[in-house]
C-alpha cells in the first residue's frame, strides 16, 4: 500500500497558525464594546423569551461586539468586566505561543525536506550531529537500509532544535546545508535589512517569556493588546511565506 502524500511545509504552517488565528478571533469577538448595562426592556424581553424568573431577570447583563451579543445571566461567576481587553489577555498570550509553534513546525518540516540531499552531499552541519554508540548499533543491527536510521536521527535533531529564534533557524538549516536568505526575505516583504530577523527574535523572546514566566515584566505582567497580538501573527506569516518563496 502506498503512503498518502505528505502535506507541504507551508500547508503544515497554515494548519498550525489557524489555532492562533482562532484565539485572536475569539478575543476580538468577546471584547466588550458596550459601555452601558443591558437595557431594562431588553432584559425583560430576554427573560420572558427564556422563561427566567423576574428576580433573575433583574440580574441579566450583556456584552457586545461587532460579532456577538452575549447575555450574562448574573447568577454565575462571570460579569461584564471579564470581557474587557485586559481580562482577555490570556487568549492573546496563547495566540502568540501558537504563532511561535506554527513557525517552529514550519522550520522543522522545511529543513527536513532537505535531509536527503544533506545525506548525499556530506554536509558539514549534518556531520556534526552527535549519536550514541547504542544508536549506531541499532542502525547496524536492525535496519536493512541504514540510510533510514541516519535520516531518523537527523530529523529528530531538527525537530528538537526548531524554533522561531532566528539564531536557531539558521542553525537548523545549517544541519542540511542551507543558508537562510534573510536579506531576500526582507526584500520580498519590502522591509529594511534585518527587520524580519528582529521580528522573529521578538516573537521567540515573547513566546519564551509567556511560556516560562507567565509574561512577567518587573513586578507585574506585560501589557498586550489585540493589535499587538495580530502583528505577531501577521509578521510571522509574512516572513514564513517569503522564506518559502526564496529558499
C-alpha atoms as a PDB file:
ATOM      1  CA  UNK A   1       0.000   0.000   0.000  1.00  0.00           C
ATOM      2  CA  UNK A   2       1.415   3.360  -0.997  1.00  0.00           C
ATOM      3  CA  UNK A   3       1.795   6.054   1.640  1.00  0.00           C
ATOM      4  CA  UNK A   4      -0.583   9.028   1.393  1.00  0.00           C
ATOM      5  CA  UNK A   5       1.059  12.229   0.162  1.00  0.00           C
ATOM      6  CA  UNK A   6       2.521  14.341   2.931  1.00  0.00           C
ATOM      7  CA  UNK A   7       1.365  17.967   3.262  1.00  0.00           C
ATOM      8  CA  UNK A   8       3.878  20.590   2.206  1.00  0.00           C
ATOM      9  CA  UNK A   9       5.718  22.585   4.911  1.00  0.00           C
ATOM     10  CA  UNK A  10       3.706  25.709   4.070  1.00  0.00           C
ATOM     11  CA  UNK A  11       0.441  23.730   4.320  1.00  0.00           C
ATOM     12  CA  UNK A  12       1.522  22.450   7.743  1.00  0.00           C
ATOM     13  CA  UNK A  13       2.251  26.035   8.764  1.00  0.00           C
ATOM     14  CA  UNK A  14      -1.173  27.250   7.637  1.00  0.00           C
ATOM     15  CA  UNK A  15      -2.884  24.476   9.594  1.00  0.00           C
ATOM     16  CA  UNK A  16      -0.854  25.245  12.717  1.00  0.00           C
ATOM     17  CA  UNK A  17      -1.263  29.015  12.619  1.00  0.00           C
ATOM     18  CA  UNK A  18      -5.037  28.624  12.313  1.00  0.00           C
ATOM     19  CA  UNK A  19      -5.016  27.945  16.099  1.00  0.00           C
ATOM     20  CA  UNK A  20      -3.527  31.380  16.713  1.00  0.00           C
ATOM     21  CA  UNK A  21      -5.989  32.964  14.326  1.00  0.00           C
ATOM     22  CA  UNK A  22      -8.917  31.330  16.123  1.00  0.00           C
ATOM     23  CA  UNK A  23      -7.699  32.538  19.520  1.00  0.00           C
ATOM     24  CA  UNK A  24      -7.376  36.072  18.170  1.00  0.00           C
ATOM     25  CA  UNK A  25     -10.825  35.913  16.604  1.00  0.00           C
ATOM     26  CA  UNK A  26     -12.295  34.806  19.933  1.00  0.00           C
ATOM     27  CA  UNK A  27     -10.550  37.599  21.817  1.00  0.00           C
ATOM     28  CA  UNK A  28     -11.722  40.159  19.278  1.00  0.00           C
ATOM     29  CA  UNK A  29     -15.313  38.879  19.262  1.00  0.00           C
ATOM     30  CA  UNK A  30     -15.560  38.661  23.054  1.00  0.00           C
ATOM     31  CA  UNK A  31     -14.060  42.111  23.640  1.00  0.00           C
ATOM     32  CA  UNK A  32     -16.912  44.166  25.062  1.00  0.00           C
ATOM     33  CA  UNK A  33     -17.537  47.467  23.308  1.00  0.00           C
ATOM     34  CA  UNK A  34     -20.755  48.207  25.132  1.00  0.00           C
ATOM     35  CA  UNK A  35     -20.486  50.968  27.727  1.00  0.00           C
ATOM     36  CA  UNK A  36     -23.832  50.756  29.490  1.00  0.00           C
ATOM     37  CA  UNK A  37     -25.590  47.911  31.184  1.00  0.00           C
ATOM     38  CA  UNK A  38     -28.205  45.871  29.329  1.00  0.00           C
ATOM     39  CA  UNK A  39     -31.347  47.991  28.947  1.00  0.00           C
ATOM     40  CA  UNK A  40     -34.331  47.131  31.151  1.00  0.00           C
ATOM     41  CA  UNK A  41     -36.652  46.407  28.226  1.00  0.00           C
ATOM     42  CA  UNK A  42     -34.063  44.092  26.684  1.00  0.00           C
ATOM     43  CA  UNK A  43     -33.610  42.280  29.995  1.00  0.00           C
ATOM     44  CA  UNK A  44     -37.371  41.813  30.292  1.00  0.00           C
ATOM     45  CA  UNK A  45     -37.735  40.648  26.691  1.00  0.00           C
ATOM     46  CA  UNK A  46     -34.931  38.110  27.055  1.00  0.00           C
ATOM     47  CA  UNK A  47     -36.204  36.979  30.456  1.00  0.00           C
ATOM     48  CA  UNK A  48     -39.665  36.384  29.027  1.00  0.00           C
ATOM     49  CA  UNK A  49     -38.313  34.514  25.990  1.00  0.00           C
ATOM     50  CA  UNK A  50     -36.122  32.273  28.162  1.00  0.00           C
ATOM     51  CA  UNK A  51     -38.749  31.907  30.928  1.00  0.00           C
ATOM     52  CA  UNK A  52     -36.449  33.404  33.541  1.00  0.00           C
ATOM     53  CA  UNK A  53     -37.959  34.484  36.867  1.00  0.00           C
ATOM     54  CA  UNK A  54     -38.457  38.212  37.448  1.00  0.00           C
ATOM     55  CA  UNK A  55     -35.882  38.152  40.248  1.00  0.00           C
ATOM     56  CA  UNK A  56     -33.217  36.602  37.991  1.00  0.00           C
ATOM     57  CA  UNK A  57     -34.221  38.812  35.060  1.00  0.00           C
ATOM     58  CA  UNK A  58     -33.002  41.811  37.045  1.00  0.00           C
ATOM     59  CA  UNK A  59     -29.532  40.219  37.198  1.00  0.00           C
ATOM     60  CA  UNK A  60     -29.181  39.946  33.431  1.00  0.00           C
ATOM     61  CA  UNK A  61     -26.492  41.914  31.646  1.00  0.00           C
ATOM     62  CA  UNK A  62     -24.742  41.666  28.281  1.00  0.00           C
ATOM     63  CA  UNK A  63     -21.554  42.393  26.413  1.00  0.00           C
ATOM     64  CA  UNK A  64     -21.493  43.354  22.770  1.00  0.00           C
ATOM     65  CA  UNK A  65     -19.005  43.480  19.917  1.00  0.00           C
ATOM     66  CA  UNK A  66     -19.254  43.690  16.157  1.00  0.00           C
ATOM     67  CA  UNK A  67     -19.749  39.907  16.061  1.00  0.00           C
ATOM     68  CA  UNK A  68     -21.605  38.953  19.224  1.00  0.00           C
ATOM     69  CA  UNK A  69     -24.218  39.883  21.750  1.00  0.00           C
ATOM     70  CA  UNK A  70     -23.532  37.727  24.812  1.00  0.00           C
ATOM     71  CA  UNK A  71     -26.059  37.642  27.619  1.00  0.00           C
ATOM     72  CA  UNK A  72     -24.647  37.288  31.135  1.00  0.00           C
ATOM     73  CA  UNK A  73     -27.094  35.576  33.446  1.00  0.00           C
ATOM     74  CA  UNK A  74     -25.698  37.250  36.545  1.00  0.00           C
ATOM     75  CA  UNK A  75     -26.112  34.158  38.687  1.00  0.00           C
ATOM     76  CA  UNK A  76     -22.738  32.722  37.664  1.00  0.00           C
ATOM     77  CA  UNK A  77     -19.140  33.796  38.115  1.00  0.00           C
ATOM     78  CA  UNK A  78     -18.792  35.984  35.007  1.00  0.00           C
ATOM     79  CA  UNK A  79     -19.502  39.714  34.929  1.00  0.00           C
ATOM     80  CA  UNK A  80     -19.157  42.291  32.150  1.00  0.00           C
ATOM     81  CA  UNK A  81     -15.698  43.333  33.381  1.00  0.00           C
ATOM     82  CA  UNK A  82     -14.448  39.833  32.495  1.00  0.00           C
ATOM     83  CA  UNK A  83     -14.816  40.747  28.819  1.00  0.00           C
ATOM     84  CA  UNK A  84     -12.506  43.763  28.800  1.00  0.00           C
ATOM     85  CA  UNK A  85      -9.374  43.624  26.671  1.00  0.00           C
ATOM     86  CA  UNK A  86      -7.270  43.339  29.832  1.00  0.00           C
ATOM     87  CA  UNK A  87      -9.177  40.281  31.034  1.00  0.00           C
ATOM     88  CA  UNK A  88      -8.926  38.648  27.609  1.00  0.00           C
ATOM     89  CA  UNK A  89      -5.125  38.815  27.619  1.00  0.00           C
ATOM     90  CA  UNK A  90      -4.737  35.069  28.371  1.00  0.00           C
ATOM     91  CA  UNK A  91      -6.213  34.381  24.912  1.00  0.00           C
ATOM     92  CA  UNK A  92      -3.811  36.877  23.343  1.00  0.00           C
ATOM     93  CA  UNK A  93      -0.802  35.369  25.097  1.00  0.00           C
ATOM     94  CA  UNK A  94      -1.738  31.883  23.970  1.00  0.00           C
ATOM     95  CA  UNK A  95      -2.172  33.150  20.423  1.00  0.00           C
ATOM     96  CA  UNK A  96       1.458  34.289  20.477  1.00  0.00           C
ATOM     97  CA  UNK A  97       2.571  30.870  21.732  1.00  0.00           C
ATOM     98  CA  UNK A  98       0.582  29.307  18.879  1.00  0.00           C
ATOM     99  CA  UNK A  99       2.182  31.633  16.320  1.00  0.00           C
ATOM    100  CA  UNK A 100       5.649  30.640  17.521  1.00  0.00           C
ATOM    101  CA  UNK A 101       4.682  26.955  17.438  1.00  0.00           C
ATOM    102  CA  UNK A 102       3.477  27.335  13.839  1.00  0.00           C
ATOM    103  CA  UNK A 103       6.826  28.861  12.868  1.00  0.00           C
ATOM    104  CA  UNK A 104       8.685  26.055  14.649  1.00  0.00           C
ATOM    105  CA  UNK A 105       6.762  23.314  12.864  1.00  0.00           C
ATOM    106  CA  UNK A 106       7.309  25.012   9.514  1.00  0.00           C
ATOM    107  CA  UNK A 107      11.061  25.308  10.124  1.00  0.00           C
ATOM    108  CA  UNK A 108      11.238  21.634  11.126  1.00  0.00           C
ATOM    109  CA  UNK A 109       9.234  20.458   8.112  1.00  0.00           C
ATOM    110  CA  UNK A 110      11.071  22.663   5.622  1.00  0.00           C
ATOM    111  CA  UNK A 111      14.530  21.725   6.887  1.00  0.00           C
ATOM    112  CA  UNK A 112      13.551  18.040   6.954  1.00  0.00           C
ATOM    113  CA  UNK A 113      12.672  18.234   3.266  1.00  0.00           C
ATOM    114  CA  UNK A 114      16.394  18.715   2.560  1.00  0.00           C
ATOM    115  CA  UNK A 115      17.608  15.718   4.596  1.00  0.00           C
ATOM    116  CA  UNK A 116      18.053  13.505   1.539  1.00  0.00           C
ATOM    117  CA  UNK A 117      20.389  15.983  -0.099  1.00  0.00           C
ATOM    118  CA  UNK A 118      22.270  16.505   3.148  1.00  0.00           C
ATOM    119  CA  UNK A 119      22.948  12.766   3.488  1.00  0.00           C
ATOM    120  CA  UNK A 120      24.041  12.564  -0.142  1.00  0.00           C
ATOM    121  CA  UNK A 121      26.231  15.646  -0.051  1.00  0.00           C
ATOM    122  CA  UNK A 122      28.266  15.050   3.097  1.00  0.00           C
ATOM    123  CA  UNK A 123      27.090  18.344   4.634  1.00  0.00           C
ATOM    124  CA  UNK A 124      29.352  19.628   7.466  1.00  0.00           C
ATOM    125  CA  UNK A 125      26.352  20.539   9.623  1.00  0.00           C
ATOM    126  CA  UNK A 126      24.970  17.012   9.400  1.00  0.00           C
ATOM    127  CA  UNK A 127      28.404  15.523  10.071  1.00  0.00           C
ATOM    128  CA  UNK A 128      28.497  17.454  13.348  1.00  0.00           C
ATOM    129  CA  UNK A 129      25.381  15.747  14.762  1.00  0.00           C
ATOM    130  CA  UNK A 130      26.381  13.507  17.664  1.00  0.00           C
ATOM    131  CA  UNK A 131      24.975   9.992  18.061  1.00  0.00           C
ATOM    132  CA  UNK A 132      25.321   7.397  20.768  1.00  0.00           C
ATOM    133  CA  UNK A 133      27.002   4.060  20.236  1.00  0.00           C
ATOM    134  CA  UNK A 134      23.642   2.476  21.014  1.00  0.00           C
ATOM    135  CA  UNK A 135      22.056   4.328  18.105  1.00  0.00           C
ATOM    136  CA  UNK A 136      24.826   3.123  15.816  1.00  0.00           C
ATOM    137  CA  UNK A 137      24.298  -0.468  16.968  1.00  0.00           C
ATOM    138  CA  UNK A 138      20.538  -0.180  16.415  1.00  0.00           C
ATOM    139  CA  UNK A 139      21.038   1.076  12.869  1.00  0.00           C
ATOM    140  CA  UNK A 140      23.645  -1.554  12.016  1.00  0.00           C
ATOM    141  CA  UNK A 141      21.753  -4.483  13.537  1.00  0.00           C
ATOM    142  CA  UNK A 142      18.059  -3.807  12.935  1.00  0.00           C
ATOM    143  CA  UNK A 143      17.775  -1.885   9.682  1.00  0.00           C
ATOM    144  CA  UNK A 144      18.309  -3.355   6.254  1.00  0.00           C
ATOM    145  CA  UNK A 145      18.639   0.163   4.869  1.00  0.00           C
ATOM    146  CA  UNK A 146      20.913   2.148   7.166  1.00  0.00           C
ATOM    147  CA  UNK A 147      20.007   5.398   5.475  1.00  0.00           C
ATOM    148  CA  UNK A 148      16.579   5.274   7.122  1.00  0.00           C
ATOM    149  CA  UNK A 149      18.283   5.250  10.509  1.00  0.00           C
ATOM    150  CA  UNK A 150      20.511   8.208   9.735  1.00  0.00           C
ATOM    151  CA  UNK A 151      17.545  10.083   8.314  1.00  0.00           C
ATOM    152  CA  UNK A 152      15.572   9.471  11.502  1.00  0.00           C
ATOM    153  CA  UNK A 153      18.401  10.728  13.705  1.00  0.00           C
ATOM    154  CA  UNK A 154      18.845  13.906  11.682  1.00  0.00           C
ATOM    155  CA  UNK A 155      15.093  14.541  11.591  1.00  0.00           C
ATOM    156  CA  UNK A 156      14.845  14.140  15.385  1.00  0.00           C
ATOM    157  CA  UNK A 157      17.712  16.620  15.809  1.00  0.00           C
ATOM    158  CA  UNK A 158      15.946  19.115  13.533  1.00  0.00           C
ATOM    159  CA  UNK A 159      12.662  18.740  15.414  1.00  0.00           C
ATOM    160  CA  UNK A 160      14.381  19.237  18.789  1.00  0.00           C
ATOM    161  CA  UNK A 161      16.192  22.366  17.676  1.00  0.00           C
ATOM    162  CA  UNK A 162      13.467  24.021  15.573  1.00  0.00           C
ATOM    163  CA  UNK A 163      12.437  27.404  16.966  1.00  0.00           C
ATOM    164  CA  UNK A 164      11.177  30.830  15.970  1.00  0.00           C
ATOM    165  CA  UNK A 165      14.519  32.273  17.097  1.00  0.00           C
ATOM    166  CA  UNK A 166      16.473  33.417  14.010  1.00  0.00           C
ATOM    167  CA  UNK A 167      19.683  32.040  15.512  1.00  0.00           C
ATOM    168  CA  UNK A 168      18.050  28.626  15.881  1.00  0.00           C
ATOM    169  CA  UNK A 169      16.516  28.852  12.416  1.00  0.00           C
ATOM    170  CA  UNK A 170      19.979  29.458  10.945  1.00  0.00           C
ATOM    171  CA  UNK A 171      21.378  26.538  12.949  1.00  0.00           C
ATOM    172  CA  UNK A 172      18.646  24.112  11.874  1.00  0.00           C
ATOM    173  CA  UNK A 173      19.060  24.885   8.182  1.00  0.00           C
ATOM    174  CA  UNK A 174      22.823  24.594   8.577  1.00  0.00           C
ATOM    175  CA  UNK A 175      22.250  20.937   9.522  1.00  0.00           C
ATOM    176  CA  UNK A 176      21.034  20.287   5.976  1.00  0.00           C
ATOM    177  CA  UNK A 177      23.490  22.575   4.194  1.00  0.00           C
ATOM    178  CA  UNK A 178      21.152  25.517   3.630  1.00  0.00           C
ATOM    179  CA  UNK A 179      21.570  29.201   4.405  1.00  0.00           C
ATOM    180  CA  UNK A 180      18.530  31.275   5.314  1.00  0.00           C
ATOM    181  CA  UNK A 181      18.232  34.160   2.815  1.00  0.00           C
ATOM    182  CA  UNK A 182      17.202  36.796   5.343  1.00  0.00           C
ATOM    183  CA  UNK A 183      18.125  39.652   3.013  1.00  0.00           C
ATOM    184  CA  UNK A 184      15.833  38.243   0.334  1.00  0.00           C
ATOM    185  CA  UNK A 185      13.064  37.756   2.893  1.00  0.00           C
ATOM    186  CA  UNK A 186      13.312  41.445   3.856  1.00  0.00           C
ATOM    187  CA  UNK A 187      13.366  42.471   0.212  1.00  0.00           C
ATOM    188  CA  UNK A 188      10.318  40.339  -0.623  1.00  0.00           C
ATOM    189  CA  UNK A 189       8.439  41.944   2.270  1.00  0.00           C
ATOM    190  CA  UNK A 190       9.587  45.482   1.442  1.00  0.00           C
ATOM    191  CA  UNK A 191      11.354  45.881   4.797  1.00  0.00           C
ATOM    192  CA  UNK A 192      14.665  47.372   5.850  1.00  0.00           C
ATOM    193  CA  UNK A 193      17.581  44.953   6.137  1.00  0.00           C
ATOM    194  CA  UNK A 194      17.457  42.867   9.324  1.00  0.00           C
ATOM    195  CA  UNK A 195      13.812  43.656  10.138  1.00  0.00           C
ATOM    196  CA  UNK A 196      12.486  40.113   9.593  1.00  0.00           C
ATOM    197  CA  UNK A 197      15.181  38.668  11.865  1.00  0.00           C
ATOM    198  CA  UNK A 198      14.336  41.260  14.525  1.00  0.00           C
ATOM    199  CA  UNK A 199      10.637  40.367  14.334  1.00  0.00           C
ATOM    200  CA  UNK A 200      11.361  36.644  14.658  1.00  0.00           C
ATOM    201  CA  UNK A 201      13.682  37.327  17.582  1.00  0.00           C
ATOM    202  CA  UNK A 202      10.966  39.359  19.279  1.00  0.00           C
ATOM    203  CA  UNK A 203       8.397  36.583  18.691  1.00  0.00           C
ATOM    204  CA  UNK A 204      10.696  33.902  20.123  1.00  0.00           C
ATOM    205  CA  UNK A 205      11.549  36.073  23.119  1.00  0.00           C
ATOM    206  CA  UNK A 206       7.896  36.876  23.881  1.00  0.00           C
ATOM    207  CA  UNK A 207       6.885  33.221  23.460  1.00  0.00           C
ATOM    208  CA  UNK A 208       9.580  32.138  25.928  1.00  0.00           C
ATOM    209  CA  UNK A 209       8.578  34.805  28.437  1.00  0.00           C
ATOM    210  CA  UNK A 210       4.941  33.710  28.249  1.00  0.00           C
ATOM    211  CA  UNK A 211       5.774  30.003  28.464  1.00  0.00           C
ATOM    212  CA  UNK A 212       8.380  30.228  31.209  1.00  0.00           C
ATOM    213  CA  UNK A 213       7.473  33.251  33.360  1.00  0.00           C
ATOM    214  CA  UNK A 214       3.799  33.882  32.588  1.00  0.00           C
ATOM    215  CA  UNK A 215       4.759  37.029  30.639  1.00  0.00           C
ATOM    216  CA  UNK A 216       6.013  38.760  33.748  1.00  0.00           C
ATOM    217  CA  UNK A 217       7.791  42.082  33.412  1.00  0.00           C
ATOM    218  CA  UNK A 218       9.161  43.606  36.567  1.00  0.00           C
ATOM    219  CA  UNK A 219       6.712  43.191  39.427  1.00  0.00           C
ATOM    220  CA  UNK A 220       3.716  42.617  37.154  1.00  0.00           C
ATOM    221  CA  UNK A 221       2.729  41.162  33.822  1.00  0.00           C
ATOM    222  CA  UNK A 222       3.431  42.737  30.464  1.00  0.00           C
ATOM    223  CA  UNK A 223       0.587  44.519  28.735  1.00  0.00           C
ATOM    224  CA  UNK A 224      -0.623  43.197  25.399  1.00  0.00           C
ATOM    225  CA  UNK A 225      -3.347  44.332  23.031  1.00  0.00           C
ATOM    226  CA  UNK A 226      -5.330  42.639  20.282  1.00  0.00           C
ATOM    227  CA  UNK A 227      -3.487  44.801  17.746  1.00  0.00           C
ATOM    228  CA  UNK A 228      -0.099  43.721  19.105  1.00  0.00           C
ATOM    229  CA  UNK A 229      -1.014  40.027  19.038  1.00  0.00           C
ATOM    230  CA  UNK A 230      -2.312  40.419  15.476  1.00  0.00           C
ATOM    231  CA  UNK A 231       1.012  41.997  14.474  1.00  0.00           C
ATOM    232  CA  UNK A 232       2.902  38.951  15.759  1.00  0.00           C
ATOM    233  CA  UNK A 233       0.702  36.723  13.609  1.00  0.00           C
ATOM    234  CA  UNK A 234       0.900  38.925  10.500  1.00  0.00           C
ATOM    235  CA  UNK A 235       4.681  39.338  10.693  1.00  0.00           C
ATOM    236  CA  UNK A 236       5.305  35.631  11.226  1.00  0.00           C
ATOM    237  CA  UNK A 237       3.022  34.695   8.346  1.00  0.00           C
ATOM    238  CA  UNK A 238       4.674  37.184   6.004  1.00  0.00           C
ATOM    239  CA  UNK A 239       8.165  36.005   6.956  1.00  0.00           C
ATOM    240  CA  UNK A 240       7.333  32.326   6.505  1.00  0.00           C
ATOM    241  CA  UNK A 241       5.689  32.957   3.132  1.00  0.00           C
ATOM    242  CA  UNK A 242       8.705  34.979   1.972  1.00  0.00           C
ATOM    243  CA  UNK A 243      11.064  32.289   3.267  1.00  0.00           C
ATOM    244  CA  UNK A 244       9.107  29.634   1.387  1.00  0.00           C
ATOM    245  CA  UNK A 245       9.334  31.674  -1.801  1.00  0.00           C
ATOM    246  CA  UNK A 246      13.070  32.375  -1.547  1.00  0.00           C
ATOM    247  CA  UNK A 247      14.572  29.125  -0.226  1.00  0.00           C
END
